[in-house]
Amino acid sequence: MNIGFFTDTYFPQVSGVSTSVKILRDELERRGHKVIIFTTTDPDAEVEEGIVRLPSIPFISFEDRRIAYAGFDRCLRIAKKYKLDIVHTHTEFSLGLAGKFVASRMKIPTIHTYHTMYENYTHYIWNGHLISANQVKVLSRLYCGQTSGIISPSRITYDKLKDYGVKTPMQIIPTGVEMPQYDPDLCQSMRNKFGFSDQDRVLLSLSRLSKEKQIDRVIDIFPQVKAAIPGAKLVIVGDGPAREELEQQAKTIAPDIQFVGQIDHEHVAAYYQMADLYVNASESESQGLTYLEAFANRLPIIAKANPYLESVMLNANFGALFDHQEAFAQTVIDFIQAADNKAFEPIQQDDLYALSSEYFGEQVELFYQQVIQNYNKADSKIFDRFYGGVKEIIRDIVIGGDKID
């Protein structure tokens, strides 16, 4: 197959979406398919074969993300050149519209992955005064309703889209991750770099440093963890709009916390393998790619309970979940003490196939084949129907209404 990915976010912009798109592209190409990625320009991007970049500007109140403002006709010309068989959109915004446009003009099906639970992100757009949760529901239902198939990365996302009223055929296909070899020499080298001993217990937080990731809650509980486990260390990897505020918080209550900043994706495995426990308090994760990366590197996690994590954490050695912030610190302490007492074996390779990129690519490929087989070219007007619906909703937003449900 010749496949077109359409995404507003791609490397060098670091995010779960960028990582998911790259993992899927690499896996599909290993399976013999051709993948062209249509995305936004970026000041730090290098020319790369198979990547088409459209002129773009920073997104409102979210300046490290971008939105395209031109290039639909160019996308269509390139898509025709490569004779695309299917379009796979990874955004509901500019490149998502470009993907719908291309698919409608070429009379080919579209698949969409609903990566982001936007109800948790409305505060980025004029502090939540422009887009409401109800309008997110309407826009999501409209976008997904004019698509041939939906990939939901988790049960949480699937249930939310059903709650929105989405009736498009949908499959739950979690993003898979590469399964790197565990390298004890690399682990020791990294711990030496940070000055950690074998007796220290290293807690790792690795994500974008933004409000919805709730890293402030991780910092809040660290003094309590350290009081119970004197050798506890906390390393925070990543960058983002909340970094300065988080560093100030750490200076006040736990000055020994180490902030690393953003790292290249190729170095992520080294940080996971160095650590003893991955900690995350976020409630906004629809698939939690960092959780999967942690597991792939044999690193157990402590995280806020949700149905997705409950479905993948099949063994006690995968970590533990907490329901309330008050239980966060004690959950960390209990798990570290149980691990030190050898209450369970470390994570094993055999536990991980269902989380692998290989399985991910296989499942997406099967879904593509199913959608192509069932596609009716009479559905090719999806772009026009979607665009008409968006105009109605924009008018509602502009006049201050919130009545559509």
Protein backbone atom coordinates (compact mmCIF):
# COMPACT_ATOMS: atom_id res chain seq x y z
CA MET A 1 0.00 0.00 0.00
CA ASN A 2 0.91 3.64 -0.48
CA ILE A 3 -0.15 5.47 2.66
CA GLY A 4 -0.35 9.18 3.45
CA PHE A 5 0.05 10.31 7.07
CA PHE A 6 -1.26 13.80 7.84
CA THR A 7 -0.13 15.28 11.16
CA ASP A 8 0.35 18.80 12.55
CA THR A 9 3.02 17.47 14.92
CA TYR A 10 6.18 15.67 13.89
CA PHE A 11 9.85 15.69 14.79
CA PRO A 12 11.78 17.82 15.67
CA GLN A 13 8.65 18.66 17.74
CA VAL A 14 8.75 16.12 20.55
CA SER A 15 5.41 14.67 21.63
CA GLY A 16 3.56 11.41 22.03
CA VAL A 17 1.90 11.99 18.65
CA SER A 18 5.26 12.52 16.90
CA THR A 19 6.61 9.35 18.46
CA SER A 20 3.50 7.32 17.60
CA VAL A 21 3.56 8.52 13.98
CA LYS A 22 7.25 7.65 13.56
CA ILE A 23 6.89 4.24 15.17
CA LEU A 24 3.96 3.37 12.89
CA ARG A 25 5.71 4.73 9.77
CA ASP A 26 8.83 2.68 10.48
CA GLU A 27 6.86 -0.49 11.21
CA LEU A 28 4.66 -0.20 8.10
CA GLU A 29 7.71 0.38 5.92
CA ARG A 30 9.33 -2.71 7.45
CA ARG A 31 6.21 -4.54 6.32
CA GLY A 32 6.76 -3.40 2.72
CA HIS A 33 4.48 -0.35 2.49
CA LYS A 34 5.33 3.18 1.36
CA VAL A 35 4.49 5.98 3.82
CA ILE A 36 4.55 9.71 3.02
CA ILE A 37 4.23 12.08 5.99
CA PHE A 38 2.53 15.44 5.37
CA THR A 39 3.22 17.82 8.25
CA THR A 40 4.07 21.40 9.22
CA THR A 41 7.26 23.36 8.72
CA ASP A 42 9.55 23.77 11.70
CA PRO A 43 12.53 26.12 12.07
CA ASP A 44 14.69 23.22 13.28
CA ALA A 45 13.54 20.62 10.75
CA GLU A 46 15.97 19.09 8.26
CA VAL A 47 15.06 17.96 4.77
CA GLU A 48 14.09 14.29 4.92
CA GLU A 49 12.92 11.94 2.21
CA GLY A 50 9.25 11.09 2.48
CA ILE A 51 8.41 14.16 4.59
CA VAL A 52 6.29 16.92 3.00
CA ARG A 53 6.13 20.14 5.03
CA LEU A 54 3.43 22.79 4.61
CA PRO A 55 3.88 26.49 5.52
CA SER A 56 2.84 26.94 9.15
CA ILE A 57 2.72 29.27 12.14
CA PRO A 58 2.77 28.61 15.91
CA PHE A 59 -0.59 27.53 17.34
CA ILE A 60 -2.54 29.91 19.61
CA SER A 61 -1.21 29.83 23.20
CA PHE A 62 0.76 26.69 22.32
CA GLU A 63 3.78 28.12 20.55
CA ASP A 64 5.86 24.95 20.37
CA ARG A 65 3.11 23.39 18.24
CA ARG A 66 2.28 24.58 14.74
CA ILE A 67 -0.65 24.83 12.35
CA ALA A 68 -0.48 24.95 8.53
CA TYR A 69 -2.09 27.83 6.66
CA ALA A 70 -1.61 26.76 3.02
CA GLY A 71 -0.70 23.83 0.80
CA PHE A 72 -3.82 21.69 0.24
CA ASP A 73 -3.37 21.68 -3.56
CA ARG A 74 0.31 20.79 -3.18
CA CYS A 75 -0.66 17.87 -0.93
CA LEU A 76 -3.09 16.66 -3.60
CA ARG A 77 -0.47 16.83 -6.36
CA ILE A 78 2.04 14.87 -4.27
CA ALA A 79 -0.60 12.35 -3.16
CA LYS A 80 -1.51 11.71 -6.81
CA LYS A 81 2.16 11.34 -7.70
CA TYR A 82 2.54 8.59 -5.10
CA LYS A 83 -0.87 7.09 -5.96
CA LEU A 84 -1.99 6.91 -2.35
CA ASP A 85 -4.31 4.04 -1.47
CA ILE A 86 -5.38 5.43 1.90
CA VAL A 87 -5.06 8.58 4.02
CA HIS A 88 -4.36 8.30 7.75
CA THR A 89 -4.91 11.53 9.69
CA HIS A 90 -3.33 12.10 13.11
CA THR A 91 -4.83 15.51 13.87
CA GLU A 92 -8.24 17.18 13.70
CA PHE A 93 -6.72 20.53 12.72
CA SER A 94 -4.90 21.85 9.65
CA LEU A 95 -3.25 18.71 8.30
CA GLY A 96 -6.31 16.71 9.26
CA LEU A 97 -8.36 18.93 6.94
CA ALA A 98 -5.70 18.55 4.25
CA GLY A 99 -5.96 14.78 4.57
CA LYS A 100 -9.74 14.86 4.22
CA PHE A 101 -9.37 17.12 1.17
CA VAL A 102 -6.89 14.76 -0.50
CA ALA A 103 -8.98 11.67 0.24
CA SER A 104 -12.18 13.25 -1.07
CA ARG A 105 -10.57 14.37 -4.34
CA MET A 106 -8.81 11.03 -4.89
CA LYS A 107 -11.85 9.01 -3.78
CA ILE A 108 -9.85 6.96 -1.29
CA PRO A 109 -10.70 6.11 2.34
CA THR A 110 -9.45 7.89 5.44
CA ILE A 111 -8.42 6.40 8.75
CA HIS A 112 -8.12 8.68 11.76
CA THR A 113 -6.28 8.15 15.05
CA TYR A 114 -7.84 10.16 17.87
CA HIS A 115 -4.64 10.83 19.83
CA THR A 116 -5.64 13.62 22.19
CA MET A 117 -8.39 14.04 24.80
CA TYR A 118 -9.02 17.71 23.99
CA GLU A 119 -11.30 18.31 26.95
CA ASN A 120 -8.08 18.39 29.00
CA TYR A 121 -6.44 20.98 26.73
CA THR A 122 -9.05 23.73 26.24
CA HIS A 123 -7.12 25.97 28.67
CA TYR A 124 -4.44 26.46 25.99
CA ILE A 125 -6.87 28.40 23.78
CA TRP A 126 -7.44 31.81 25.35
CA ASN A 127 -7.48 30.23 28.83
CA GLY A 128 -10.51 28.11 27.98
CA HIS A 129 -12.77 31.04 27.11
CA LEU A 130 -13.07 30.22 23.39
CA ILE A 131 -13.67 26.46 23.17
CA SER A 132 -15.82 24.61 25.68
CA ALA A 133 -15.91 20.90 26.47
CA ASN A 134 -19.29 20.67 24.73
CA GLN A 135 -17.87 22.20 21.55
CA VAL A 136 -14.96 19.73 21.71
CA LYS A 137 -17.59 16.98 21.75
CA VAL A 138 -19.40 18.39 18.72
CA LEU A 139 -16.24 19.00 16.68
CA SER A 140 -14.86 15.55 17.51
CA ARG A 141 -18.12 13.86 16.56
CA LEU A 142 -18.23 15.79 13.29
CA TYR A 143 -14.61 15.05 12.36
CA CYS A 144 -14.75 11.37 13.27
CA GLY A 145 -18.17 10.98 11.65
CA GLN A 146 -16.74 11.96 8.25
CA THR A 147 -14.03 9.29 8.32
CA SER A 148 -13.92 5.68 7.09
CA GLY A 149 -12.48 4.25 10.29
CA ILE A 150 -11.19 5.35 13.70
CA ILE A 151 -8.20 4.02 15.60
CA SER A 152 -8.64 4.53 19.32
CA PRO A 153 -5.35 4.15 21.21
CA SER A 154 -7.11 3.06 24.41
CA ARG A 155 -10.40 1.96 25.96
CA ILE A 156 -10.66 5.42 27.57
CA THR A 157 -10.62 7.10 24.17
CA TYR A 158 -12.99 4.53 22.67
CA ASP A 159 -15.54 5.05 25.43
CA LYS A 160 -15.24 8.84 25.19
CA LEU A 161 -15.86 8.83 21.44
CA LYS A 162 -18.86 6.56 21.91
CA ASP A 163 -20.11 9.00 24.53
CA TYR A 164 -19.68 11.81 21.98
CA GLY A 165 -21.99 9.89 19.64
CA VAL A 166 -19.37 8.72 17.12
CA LYS A 167 -20.79 5.85 15.04
CA THR A 168 -17.86 5.34 12.61
CA PRO A 169 -16.29 1.84 12.70
CA MET A 170 -13.66 1.98 15.43
CA GLN A 171 -10.94 -0.32 16.73
CA ILE A 172 -8.82 -0.08 19.84
CA ILE A 173 -5.18 -0.33 18.71
CA PRO A 174 -2.70 0.91 21.32
CA THR A 175 0.50 2.46 20.01
CA GLY A 176 3.31 -0.05 20.24
CA VAL A 177 6.92 0.70 21.03
CA GLU A 178 10.31 -0.60 20.01
CA MET A 179 11.65 -3.23 22.36
CA PRO A 180 15.28 -2.28 23.00
CA GLN A 181 17.74 -4.70 24.49
CA TYR A 182 18.41 -4.06 28.15
CA ASP A 183 22.01 -2.91 28.45
CA PRO A 184 23.41 -3.19 32.01
CA ASP A 185 26.60 -1.37 30.99
CA LEU A 186 24.58 1.57 29.66
CA CYS A 187 22.49 1.57 32.84
CA GLN A 188 25.60 1.71 35.04
CA SER A 189 27.20 4.39 32.88
CA MET A 190 24.14 6.62 33.17
CA ARG A 191 23.90 6.16 36.93
CA ASN A 192 27.59 7.03 37.25
CA LYS A 193 26.99 10.15 35.16
CA PHE A 194 24.41 11.36 37.67
CA GLY A 195 26.41 10.24 40.70
CA PHE A 196 23.92 7.55 41.75
CA SER A 197 25.04 4.51 43.71
CA ASP A 198 23.65 0.98 43.44
CA GLN A 199 21.78 1.58 46.69
CA ASP A 200 20.02 4.72 45.41
CA ARG A 201 16.47 4.32 44.11
CA VAL A 202 15.97 6.52 41.05
CA LEU A 203 12.50 7.84 40.25
CA LEU A 204 12.07 9.08 36.68
CA SER A 205 9.54 11.56 35.28
CA LEU A 206 9.79 11.86 31.48
CA SER A 207 7.27 13.94 29.55
CA ARG A 208 6.48 17.37 28.22
CA LEU A 209 6.59 19.84 31.11
CA SER A 210 3.09 21.25 30.85
CA LYS A 211 0.17 21.87 33.17
CA GLU A 212 -1.88 18.80 32.25
CA LYS A 213 1.03 16.42 32.95
CA GLN A 214 0.72 17.36 36.67
CA ILE A 215 4.41 16.97 37.40
CA ASP A 216 3.88 19.35 40.32
CA ARG A 217 2.17 16.44 42.08
CA VAL A 218 5.25 14.26 41.56
CA ILE A 219 7.42 16.96 43.12
CA ASP A 220 4.94 17.39 46.00
CA ILE A 221 5.24 13.77 47.12
CA PHE A 222 9.01 13.42 46.74
CA PRO A 223 9.95 14.68 50.24
CA GLN A 224 7.61 12.08 51.77
CA VAL A 225 9.18 9.33 49.63
CA LYS A 226 12.69 10.46 50.55
CA ALA A 227 11.84 10.48 54.25
CA ALA A 228 10.92 6.79 54.02
CA ILE A 229 13.64 5.86 51.49
CA PRO A 230 16.71 8.06 52.09
CA GLY A 231 18.37 6.87 48.88
CA ALA A 232 15.47 8.07 46.70
CA LYS A 233 16.39 10.36 43.80
CA LEU A 234 14.11 12.14 41.33
CA VAL A 235 15.13 12.97 37.76
CA ILE A 236 12.75 15.04 35.59
CA VAL A 237 13.35 14.78 31.84
CA GLY A 238 11.62 17.04 29.34
CA ASP A 239 10.89 20.66 28.56
CA GLY A 240 7.81 22.81 28.14
CA PRO A 241 5.89 25.86 29.35
CA ALA A 242 5.74 24.76 33.00
CA ARG A 243 9.46 24.14 33.44
CA GLU A 244 10.35 27.39 35.23
CA GLU A 245 7.42 27.07 37.63
CA LEU A 246 8.31 23.44 38.39
CA GLU A 247 11.96 24.29 39.04
CA GLN A 248 10.89 26.99 41.48
CA GLN A 249 8.60 24.52 43.26
CA ALA A 250 11.45 21.99 43.52
CA LYS A 251 13.85 24.59 44.94
CA THR A 252 11.35 25.27 47.70
CA ILE A 253 10.58 21.73 48.84
CA ALA A 254 13.18 19.37 47.31
CA PRO A 255 16.27 21.16 45.94
CA ASP A 256 18.07 17.91 45.08
CA ILE A 257 15.63 17.09 42.26
CA GLN A 258 17.50 17.07 38.94
CA PHE A 259 15.98 18.66 35.79
CA VAL A 260 17.60 17.34 32.60
CA GLY A 261 15.65 19.23 29.91
CA GLN A 262 14.67 17.87 26.52
CA ILE A 263 16.62 14.92 25.12
CA ASP A 264 16.73 13.35 21.67
CA HIS A 265 14.41 10.38 21.30
CA GLU A 266 17.35 8.10 20.54
CA HIS A 267 18.61 8.65 24.11
CA VAL A 268 15.30 7.97 25.87
CA ALA A 269 16.02 4.29 26.50
CA ALA A 270 19.16 5.14 28.47
CA TYR A 271 17.16 7.21 30.95
CA TYR A 272 14.49 4.53 31.40
CA GLN A 273 17.11 1.83 31.94
CA MET A 274 18.97 3.97 34.47
CA ALA A 275 15.89 4.37 36.67
CA ASP A 276 14.25 2.06 39.20
CA LEU A 277 10.71 3.44 38.86
CA TYR A 278 8.76 5.65 36.45
CA VAL A 279 6.34 8.03 38.21
CA ASN A 280 3.43 9.90 36.62
CA ALA A 281 0.40 11.66 38.10
CA SER A 282 -1.23 12.80 34.84
CA GLU A 283 -4.94 12.28 34.27
CA SER A 284 -4.86 13.46 30.64
CA GLU A 285 -3.20 10.47 28.98
CA SER A 286 -5.37 8.75 26.37
CA GLN A 287 -2.72 6.13 25.64
CA GLY A 288 0.32 7.00 27.77
CA LEU A 289 3.13 6.29 25.35
CA THR A 290 5.74 6.96 28.02
CA TYR A 291 4.24 4.14 30.11
CA LEU A 292 4.78 1.74 27.22
CA GLU A 293 8.32 2.99 26.71
CA ALA A 294 9.00 2.40 30.38
CA PHE A 295 7.70 -1.18 30.20
CA ALA A 296 9.73 -1.82 27.02
CA ASN A 297 12.86 -0.86 28.97
CA ARG A 298 11.87 -3.18 31.85
CA LEU A 299 10.97 -0.22 34.07
CA PRO A 300 7.91 -0.54 36.36
CA ILE A 301 5.61 2.46 36.82
CA ILE A 302 3.57 4.18 39.48
CA ALA A 303 0.69 6.12 37.92
CA LYS A 304 -2.84 7.42 38.40
CA ALA A 305 -5.26 4.55 37.87
CA ASN A 306 -7.24 4.41 34.64
CA PRO A 307 -8.85 1.60 32.60
CA TYR A 308 -6.07 1.60 30.01
CA LEU A 309 -3.29 1.00 32.52
CA GLU A 310 -5.37 -1.56 34.35
CA SER A 311 -5.65 -3.48 31.06
CA VAL A 312 -1.89 -3.57 30.31
CA MET A 313 -0.45 -4.02 33.81
CA LEU A 314 -1.10 -7.73 34.03
CA ASN A 315 1.60 -8.60 36.56
CA ALA A 316 2.69 -7.10 39.88
CA ASN A 317 6.16 -6.46 38.45
CA PHE A 318 4.71 -3.85 36.04
CA GLY A 319 4.21 -1.45 38.97
CA ALA A 320 1.22 -0.12 40.90
CA LEU A 321 -1.62 2.37 40.44
CA PHE A 322 -3.10 4.84 42.90
CA ASP A 323 -6.61 6.28 42.96
CA HIS A 324 -6.07 9.50 44.91
CA GLN A 325 -3.17 11.92 45.29
CA GLU A 326 -3.10 11.18 49.03
CA ALA A 327 -2.08 7.59 48.20
CA PHE A 328 0.60 8.50 45.64
CA ALA A 329 3.63 8.68 47.94
CA GLN A 330 2.75 5.55 49.91
CA THR A 331 2.21 3.60 46.67
CA VAL A 332 5.73 4.54 45.58
CA ILE A 333 7.21 3.62 48.96
CA ASP A 334 5.39 0.27 49.15
CA PHE A 335 6.47 -0.75 45.65
CA ILE A 336 10.14 0.11 46.17
CA GLN A 337 10.22 -1.80 49.45
CA ALA A 338 8.50 -4.81 47.87
CA ALA A 339 10.96 -4.77 44.96
CA ASP A 340 13.92 -4.55 47.35
CA ASN A 341 12.51 -7.55 49.21
CA LYS A 342 12.28 -9.44 45.88
CA ALA A 343 8.52 -9.88 46.15
CA PHE A 344 8.36 -10.32 42.35
CA GLU A 345 10.60 -10.93 39.34
CA PRO A 346 11.69 -8.07 37.05
CA ILE A 347 9.70 -7.49 33.84
CA GLN A 348 10.54 -10.14 31.23
CA GLN A 349 10.70 -9.96 27.41
CA ASP A 350 7.88 -12.50 27.06
CA ASP A 351 5.52 -10.12 28.89
CA LEU A 352 5.84 -7.42 26.24
CA TYR A 353 4.84 -8.64 22.73
CA ALA A 354 1.32 -7.16 22.85
CA LEU A 355 2.92 -3.76 23.57
CA SER A 356 5.45 -4.00 20.72
CA SER A 357 5.67 -1.89 17.56
CA GLU A 358 5.57 -5.12 15.55
CA TYR A 359 2.14 -6.02 16.91
CA PHE A 360 1.00 -2.39 16.49
CA GLY A 361 1.95 -2.34 12.80
CA GLU A 362 0.29 -5.69 12.19
CA GLN A 363 -3.01 -4.55 13.71
CA VAL A 364 -3.06 -1.22 11.83
CA GLU A 365 -2.26 -2.98 8.54
CA LEU A 366 -5.21 -5.34 9.04
CA PHE A 367 -7.51 -2.39 9.79
CA TYR A 368 -6.37 -0.59 6.62
CA GLN A 369 -7.16 -3.68 4.56
CA GLN A 370 -10.59 -3.97 6.14
CA VAL A 371 -11.44 -0.31 5.53
CA ILE A 372 -10.21 -0.37 1.92
CA GLN A 373 -12.26 -3.49 1.25
CA ASN A 374 -15.44 -1.90 2.64
CA TYR A 375 -14.91 1.57 1.15
CA ASN A 376 -17.68 3.01 -0.99
CA LYS A 377 -16.55 5.77 -3.36
CA ALA A 378 -19.89 7.46 -2.81
CA ASP A 379 -18.38 8.52 0.54
CA SER A 380 -15.82 10.72 -1.24
CA LYS A 381 -17.64 13.97 -0.39
CA ILE A 382 -16.57 13.73 3.24
CA PHE A 383 -14.44 16.87 3.05
CA ASP A 384 -17.30 19.01 1.76
CA ARG A 385 -19.70 17.69 4.40
CA PHE A 386 -17.15 18.18 7.16
CA TYR A 387 -16.27 21.71 6.03
CA GLY A 388 -19.94 22.67 5.96
CA GLY A 389 -20.45 21.36 9.47
CA VAL A 390 -17.37 23.21 10.78
CA LYS A 391 -18.66 26.52 9.41
CA GLU A 392 -21.86 26.06 11.40
CA ILE A 393 -19.95 25.36 14.61
CA ILE A 394 -17.54 28.27 14.11
CA ARG A 395 -20.53 30.58 13.70
CA ASP A 396 -21.94 29.21 16.95
CA ILE A 397 -18.62 29.85 18.76
CA VAL A 398 -18.25 33.38 17.38
CA ILE A 399 -21.71 34.46 18.56
CA GLY A 400 -21.06 32.91 21.95
CA GLY A 401 -23.46 30.01 21.69
CA ASP A 402 -22.91 26.59 23.19
CA LYS A 403 -26.19 24.93 22.30
CA ILE A 404 -25.15 22.22 19.87
CA ASP A 405 -24.98 18.76 21.36
